[in-house]
Structures are given as C-alpha cells and as structure tokens.
Amino acid sequence: MEELISEENLQNLIIFEGLLHKSKETMLNEALELYFTEQTKLLEAQQDSQTNLSFEEFWDDFEI
C-alpha cells in the first residue's frame, strides 16, 4: 500500500487510524466511495449542461 500513496497521505492514514479506530483499508474505501460519488455527480452535471441543439435551433426564438 505504501507504494500507491504519498508519504504525507500515509502518515495521515496512520494518525487517523488511531484517532478514528478504523483500519487504513476501511478509510481508503470510504474515501474512494465519496470520491467516485462526487465524480459521478460532476460528470452527470456536465452532461446535463451540454445541449444537443444546433446553433440555429438554439438561437431560433431569440430576437435582437
């Protein structure tokens, strides 16, 4: 596991392992679940913000 994460994050895992009484594996899994949940929300929001209208369709009802 030490090869996969930075020294700073490893030190934080060790500290919080004692504070929270959770294993490093549990904390990493919880953190990854939160990360993937947020990334999914961001991707969905990005897809929702994109339009499939052409330039003409988008501006069709707009009058100057």
PDB file of N, CA and C in Angstrom:
ATOM      1  N   MET A   1       0.835  -1.187   0.000  1.00  0.00           N
ATOM      2  CA  MET A   1       0.000   0.000   0.000  1.00  0.00           C
ATOM      3  C   MET A   1       0.877   1.246   0.000  1.00  0.00           C
ATOM      4  N   GLU A   2       2.009   1.189   0.643  1.00  0.00           N
ATOM      5  CA  GLU A   2       2.869   2.358   0.757  1.00  0.00           C
ATOM      6  C   GLU A   2       3.339   2.877  -0.590  1.00  0.00           C
ATOM      7  N   GLU A   3       3.450   1.979  -1.598  1.00  0.00           N
ATOM      8  CA  GLU A   3       3.910   2.392  -2.914  1.00  0.00           C
ATOM      9  C   GLU A   3       2.821   3.131  -3.686  1.00  0.00           C
ATOM     10  N   LEU A   4       1.578   2.981  -3.267  1.00  0.00           N
ATOM     11  CA  LEU A   4       0.456   3.544  -4.008  1.00  0.00           C
ATOM     12  C   LEU A   4       0.084   4.961  -3.592  1.00  0.00           C
ATOM     13  N   ILE A   5       0.455   5.376  -2.404  1.00  0.00           N
ATOM     14  CA  ILE A   5       0.055   6.702  -1.908  1.00  0.00           C
ATOM     15  C   ILE A   5       1.275   7.480  -1.452  1.00  0.00           C
ATOM     16  N   SER A   6       1.106   8.769  -1.357  1.00  0.00           N
ATOM     17  CA  SER A   6       2.226   9.626  -0.957  1.00  0.00           C
ATOM     18  C   SER A   6       2.561   9.420   0.520  1.00  0.00           C
ATOM     19  N   GLU A   7       3.757   9.812   0.878  1.00  0.00           N
ATOM     20  CA  GLU A   7       4.204   9.692   2.266  1.00  0.00           C
ATOM     21  C   GLU A   7       3.310  10.502   3.203  1.00  0.00           C
ATOM     22  N   GLU A   8       2.906  11.690   2.767  1.00  0.00           N
ATOM     23  CA  GLU A   8       2.033  12.539   3.580  1.00  0.00           C
ATOM     24  C   GLU A   8       0.681  11.866   3.833  1.00  0.00           C
ATOM     25  N   ASN A   9       0.098  11.286   2.781  1.00  0.00           N
ATOM     26  CA  ASN A   9      -1.175  10.602   2.957  1.00  0.00           C
ATOM     27  C   ASN A   9      -1.028   9.359   3.823  1.00  0.00           C
ATOM     28  N   LEU A  10       0.068   8.669   3.702  1.00  0.00           N
ATOM     29  CA  LEU A  10       0.309   7.504   4.549  1.00  0.00           C
ATOM     30  C   LEU A  10       0.397   7.917   6.011  1.00  0.00           C
ATOM     31  N   GLN A  11       1.100   9.002   6.289  1.00  0.00           N
ATOM     32  CA  GLN A  11       1.205   9.497   7.660  1.00  0.00           C
ATOM     33  C   GLN A  11      -0.166   9.885   8.205  1.00  0.00           C
ATOM     34  N   ASN A  12      -0.968  10.537   7.378  1.00  0.00           N
ATOM     35  CA  ASN A  12      -2.327  10.899   7.807  1.00  0.00           C
ATOM     36  C   ASN A  12      -3.169   9.661   8.070  1.00  0.00           C
ATOM     37  N   LEU A  13      -3.029   8.641   7.239  1.00  0.00           N
ATOM     38  CA  LEU A  13      -3.755   7.394   7.477  1.00  0.00           C
ATOM     39  C   LEU A  13      -3.372   6.781   8.821  1.00  0.00           C
ATOM     40  N   ILE A  14      -2.099   6.796   9.118  1.00  0.00           N
ATOM     41  CA  ILE A  14      -1.628   6.231  10.387  1.00  0.00           C
ATOM     42  C   ILE A  14      -2.199   7.019  11.561  1.00  0.00           C
ATOM     43  N   ILE A  15      -2.173   8.343  11.448  1.00  0.00           N
ATOM     44  CA  ILE A  15      -2.703   9.197  12.524  1.00  0.00           C
ATOM     45  C   ILE A  15      -4.198   8.953  12.717  1.00  0.00           C
ATOM     46  N   PHE A  16      -4.951   9.001  11.619  1.00  0.00           N
ATOM     47  CA  PHE A  16      -6.397   8.846  11.723  1.00  0.00           C
ATOM     48  C   PHE A  16      -6.815   7.419  12.049  1.00  0.00           C
ATOM     49  N   GLU A  17      -5.973   6.458  11.726  1.00  0.00           N
ATOM     50  CA  GLU A  17      -6.258   5.078  12.103  1.00  0.00           C
ATOM     51  C   GLU A  17      -6.410   4.988  13.617  1.00  0.00           C
ATOM     52  N   GLY A  18      -5.538   5.673  14.331  1.00  0.00           N
ATOM     53  CA  GLY A  18      -5.613   5.686  15.792  1.00  0.00           C
ATOM     54  C   GLY A  18      -6.750   6.548  16.318  1.00  0.00           C
ATOM     55  N   LEU A  19      -6.950   7.703  15.702  1.00  0.00           N
ATOM     56  CA  LEU A  19      -7.991   8.618  16.164  1.00  0.00           C
ATOM     57  C   LEU A  19      -9.393   8.066  15.938  1.00  0.00           C
ATOM     58  N   LEU A  20      -9.614   7.456  14.790  1.00  0.00           N
ATOM     59  CA  LEU A  20     -10.955   7.002  14.428  1.00  0.00           C
ATOM     60  C   LEU A  20     -11.195   5.529  14.743  1.00  0.00           C
ATOM     61  N   HIS A  21     -10.131   4.840  15.104  1.00  0.00           N
ATOM     62  CA  HIS A  21     -10.220   3.397  15.375  1.00  0.00           C
ATOM     63  C   HIS A  21     -10.771   2.647  14.163  1.00  0.00           C
ATOM     64  N   LYS A  22     -10.267   3.025  12.991  1.00  0.00           N
ATOM     65  CA  LYS A  22     -10.631   2.368  11.735  1.00  0.00           C
ATOM     66  C   LYS A  22      -9.342   1.917  11.061  1.00  0.00           C
ATOM     67  N   SER A  23      -9.444   0.851  10.294  1.00  0.00           N
ATOM     68  CA  SER A  23      -8.268   0.381   9.557  1.00  0.00           C
ATOM     69  C   SER A  23      -7.976   1.302   8.379  1.00  0.00           C
ATOM     70  N   LYS A  24      -6.735   1.261   7.915  1.00  0.00           N
ATOM     71  CA  LYS A  24      -6.366   2.050   6.739  1.00  0.00           C
ATOM     72  C   LYS A  24      -7.218   1.650   5.547  1.00  0.00           C
ATOM     73  N   GLU A  25      -7.459   0.374   5.398  1.00  0.00           N
ATOM     74  CA  GLU A  25      -8.254  -0.119   4.274  1.00  0.00           C
ATOM     75  C   GLU A  25      -9.682   0.429   4.319  1.00  0.00           C
ATOM     76  N   THR A  26     -10.275   0.464   5.505  1.00  0.00           N
ATOM     77  CA  THR A  26     -11.631   0.997   5.651  1.00  0.00           C
ATOM     78  C   THR A  26     -11.665   2.474   5.278  1.00  0.00           C
ATOM     79  N   MET A  27     -10.709   3.238   5.771  1.00  0.00           N
ATOM     80  CA  MET A  27     -10.679   4.670   5.461  1.00  0.00           C
ATOM     81  C   MET A  27     -10.457   4.911   3.976  1.00  0.00           C
ATOM     82  N   LEU A  28      -9.576   4.142   3.349  1.00  0.00           N
ATOM     83  CA  LEU A  28      -9.343   4.299   1.914  1.00  0.00           C
ATOM     84  C   LEU A  28     -10.593   3.953   1.113  1.00  0.00           C
ATOM     85  N   ASN A  29     -11.274   2.883   1.487  1.00  0.00           N
ATOM     86  CA  ASN A  29     -12.509   2.513   0.793  1.00  0.00           C
ATOM     87  C   ASN A  29     -13.586   3.576   0.960  1.00  0.00           C
ATOM     88  N   GLU A  30     -13.726   4.122   2.160  1.00  0.00           N
ATOM     89  CA  GLU A  30     -14.704   5.187   2.390  1.00  0.00           C
ATOM     90  C   GLU A  30     -14.367   6.421   1.558  1.00  0.00           C
ATOM     91  N   ALA A  31     -13.090   6.770   1.526  1.00  0.00           N
ATOM     92  CA  ALA A  31     -12.663   7.948   0.765  1.00  0.00           C
ATOM     93  C   ALA A  31     -12.900   7.739  -0.731  1.00  0.00           C
ATOM     94  N   LEU A  32     -12.596   6.542  -1.227  1.00  0.00           N
ATOM     95  CA  LEU A  32     -12.817   6.271  -2.648  1.00  0.00           C
ATOM     96  C   LEU A  32     -14.291   6.262  -3.000  1.00  0.00           C
ATOM     97  N   GLU A  33     -15.133   5.752  -2.132  1.00  0.00           N
ATOM     98  CA  GLU A  33     -16.575   5.776  -2.379  1.00  0.00           C
ATOM     99  C   GLU A  33     -17.065   7.213  -2.504  1.00  0.00           C
ATOM    100  N   LEU A  34     -16.616   8.086  -1.592  1.00  0.00           N
ATOM    101  CA  LEU A  34     -17.002   9.501  -1.669  1.00  0.00           C
ATOM    102  C   LEU A  34     -16.474  10.146  -2.942  1.00  0.00           C
ATOM    103  N   TYR A  35     -15.221   9.847  -3.282  1.00  0.00           N
ATOM    104  CA  TYR A  35     -14.605  10.413  -4.478  1.00  0.00           C
ATOM    105  C   TYR A  35     -15.396  10.023  -5.730  1.00  0.00           C
ATOM    106  N   PHE A  36     -15.700   8.732  -5.874  1.00  0.00           N
ATOM    107  CA  PHE A  36     -16.408   8.270  -7.059  1.00  0.00           C
ATOM    108  C   PHE A  36     -17.841   8.793  -7.108  1.00  0.00           C
ATOM    109  N   THR A  37     -18.481   8.940  -5.967  1.00  0.00           N
ATOM    110  CA  THR A  37     -19.826   9.515  -5.919  1.00  0.00           C
ATOM    111  C   THR A  37     -19.799  10.951  -6.416  1.00  0.00           C
ATOM    112  N   GLU A  38     -18.838  11.739  -5.948  1.00  0.00           N
ATOM    113  CA  GLU A  38     -18.734  13.138  -6.368  1.00  0.00           C
ATOM    114  C   GLU A  38     -18.359  13.253  -7.839  1.00  0.00           C
ATOM    115  N   GLN A  39     -17.456  12.402  -8.306  1.00  0.00           N
ATOM    116  CA  GLN A  39     -17.076  12.433  -9.714  1.00  0.00           C
ATOM    117  C   GLN A  39     -18.262  12.094 -10.606  1.00  0.00           C
ATOM    118  N   THR A  40     -19.083  11.142 -10.178  1.00  0.00           N
ATOM    119  CA  THR A  40     -20.278  10.778 -10.930  1.00  0.00           C
ATOM    120  C   THR A  40     -21.236  11.960 -11.010  1.00  0.00           C
ATOM    121  N   LYS A  41     -21.424  12.656  -9.877  1.00  0.00           N
ATOM    122  CA  LYS A  41     -22.289  13.841  -9.872  1.00  0.00           C
ATOM    123  C   LYS A  41     -21.766  14.912 -10.818  1.00  0.00           C
ATOM    124  N   LEU A  42     -20.452  15.143 -10.800  1.00  0.00           N
ATOM    125  CA  LEU A  42     -19.851  16.146 -11.681  1.00  0.00           C
ATOM    126  C   LEU A  42     -20.022  15.775 -13.147  1.00  0.00           C
ATOM    127  N   LEU A  43     -19.820  14.507 -13.472  1.00  0.00           N
ATOM    128  CA  LEU A  43     -19.992  14.068 -14.861  1.00  0.00           C
ATOM    129  C   LEU A  43     -21.438  14.208 -15.311  1.00  0.00           C
ATOM    130  N   GLU A  44     -22.371  13.863 -14.438  1.00  0.00           N
ATOM    131  CA  GLU A  44     -23.792  13.999 -14.782  1.00  0.00           C
ATOM    132  C   GLU A  44     -24.158  15.462 -14.978  1.00  0.00           C
ATOM    133  N   ALA A  45     -23.655  16.332 -14.125  1.00  0.00           N
ATOM    134  CA  ALA A  45     -23.933  17.765 -14.253  1.00  0.00           C
ATOM    135  C   ALA A  45     -23.337  18.310 -15.544  1.00  0.00           C
ATOM    136  N   GLN A  46     -22.161  17.843 -15.894  1.00  0.00           N
ATOM    137  CA  GLN A  46     -21.515  18.287 -17.129  1.00  0.00           C
ATOM    138  C   GLN A  46     -22.324  17.832 -18.337  1.00  0.00           C
ATOM    139  N   GLN A  47     -22.797  16.600 -18.308  1.00  0.00           N
ATOM    140  CA  GLN A  47     -23.608  16.099 -19.416  1.00  0.00           C
ATOM    141  C   GLN A  47     -24.932  16.833 -19.504  1.00  0.00           C
ATOM    142  N   ASP A  48     -25.531  17.155 -18.367  1.00  0.00           N
ATOM    143  CA  ASP A  48     -26.808  17.871 -18.355  1.00  0.00           C
ATOM    144  C   ASP A  48     -26.664  19.292 -18.891  1.00  0.00           C
ATOM    145  N   SER A  49     -25.491  19.874 -18.718  1.00  0.00           N
ATOM    146  CA  SER A  49     -25.298  21.258 -19.143  1.00  0.00           C
ATOM    147  C   SER A  49     -25.026  21.369 -20.638  1.00  0.00           C
ATOM    148  N   GLN A  50     -24.734  20.259 -21.268  1.00  0.00           N
ATOM    149  CA  GLN A  50     -24.486  20.285 -22.709  1.00  0.00           C
ATOM    150  C   GLN A  50     -25.806  20.160 -23.450  1.00  0.00           C
ATOM    151  N   THR A  51     -25.888  20.826 -24.557  1.00  0.00           N
ATOM    152  CA  THR A  51     -27.118  20.786 -25.353  1.00  0.00           C
ATOM    153  C   THR A  51     -26.869  20.014 -26.642  1.00  0.00           C
ATOM    154  N   ASN A  52     -27.910  19.442 -27.154  1.00  0.00           N
ATOM    155  CA  ASN A  52     -27.796  18.747 -28.427  1.00  0.00           C
ATOM    156  C   ASN A  52     -28.441  19.548 -29.551  1.00  0.00           C
ATOM    157  N   LEU A  53     -28.709  20.819 -29.295  1.00  0.00           N
ATOM    158  CA  LEU A  53     -29.307  21.686 -30.303  1.00  0.00           C
ATOM    159  C   LEU A  53     -28.225  22.249 -31.223  1.00  0.00           C
ATOM    160  N   SER A  54     -28.594  22.464 -32.480  1.00  0.00           N
ATOM    161  CA  SER A  54     -27.669  23.129 -33.392  1.00  0.00           C
ATOM    162  C   SER A  54     -27.655  24.626 -33.060  1.00  0.00           C
ATOM    163  N   PHE A  55     -26.733  25.333 -33.645  1.00  0.00           N
ATOM    164  CA  PHE A  55     -26.623  26.776 -33.433  1.00  0.00           C
ATOM    165  C   PHE A  55     -27.933  27.467 -33.809  1.00  0.00           C
ATOM    166  N   GLU A  56     -28.505  27.090 -34.944  1.00  0.00           N
ATOM    167  CA  GLU A  56     -29.747  27.715 -35.410  1.00  0.00           C
ATOM    168  C   GLU A  56     -30.914  27.381 -34.479  1.00  0.00           C
ATOM    169  N   GLU A  57     -31.000  26.122 -34.043  1.00  0.00           N
ATOM    170  CA  GLU A  57     -32.085  25.734 -33.150  1.00  0.00           C
ATOM    171  C   GLU A  57     -31.988  26.472 -31.814  1.00  0.00           C
ATOM    172  N   PHE A  58     -30.776  26.629 -31.325  1.00  0.00           N
ATOM    173  CA  PHE A  58     -30.577  27.288 -30.044  1.00  0.00           C
ATOM    174  C   PHE A  58     -31.024  28.743 -30.096  1.00  0.00           C
ATOM    175  N   TRP A  59     -30.666  29.455 -31.177  1.00  0.00           N
ATOM    176  CA  TRP A  59     -30.944  30.876 -31.289  1.00  0.00           C
ATOM    177  C   TRP A  59     -32.234  31.170 -32.056  1.00  0.00           C
ATOM    178  N   ASP A  60     -32.997  30.171 -32.444  1.00  0.00           N
ATOM    179  CA  ASP A  60     -34.172  30.334 -33.305  1.00  0.00           C
ATOM    180  C   ASP A  60     -35.184  31.343 -32.760  1.00  0.00           C
ATOM    181  N   ASP A  61     -35.532  31.271 -31.488  1.00  0.00           N
ATOM    182  CA  ASP A  61     -36.547  32.158 -30.930  1.00  0.00           C
ATOM    183  C   ASP A  61     -35.986  33.455 -30.369  1.00  0.00           C
ATOM    184  N   PHE A  62     -34.708  33.665 -30.475  1.00  0.00           N
ATOM    185  CA  PHE A  62     -34.086  34.868 -29.928  1.00  0.00           C
ATOM    186  C   PHE A  62     -34.155  35.987 -30.958  1.00  0.00           C
ATOM    187  N   GLU A  63     -34.695  37.121 -30.529  1.00  0.00           N
ATOM    188  CA  GLU A  63     -34.798  38.253 -31.438  1.00  0.00           C
ATOM    189  C   GLU A  63     -33.978  39.413 -30.919  1.00  0.00           C
ATOM    190  N   ILE A  64     -33.312  40.090 -31.842  1.00  0.00           N
ATOM    191  CA  ILE A  64     -32.474  41.237 -31.483  1.00  0.00           C
ATOM    192  C   ILE A  64     -33.239  42.510 -31.722  1.00  0.00           C
TER     193      ILE A  64
END
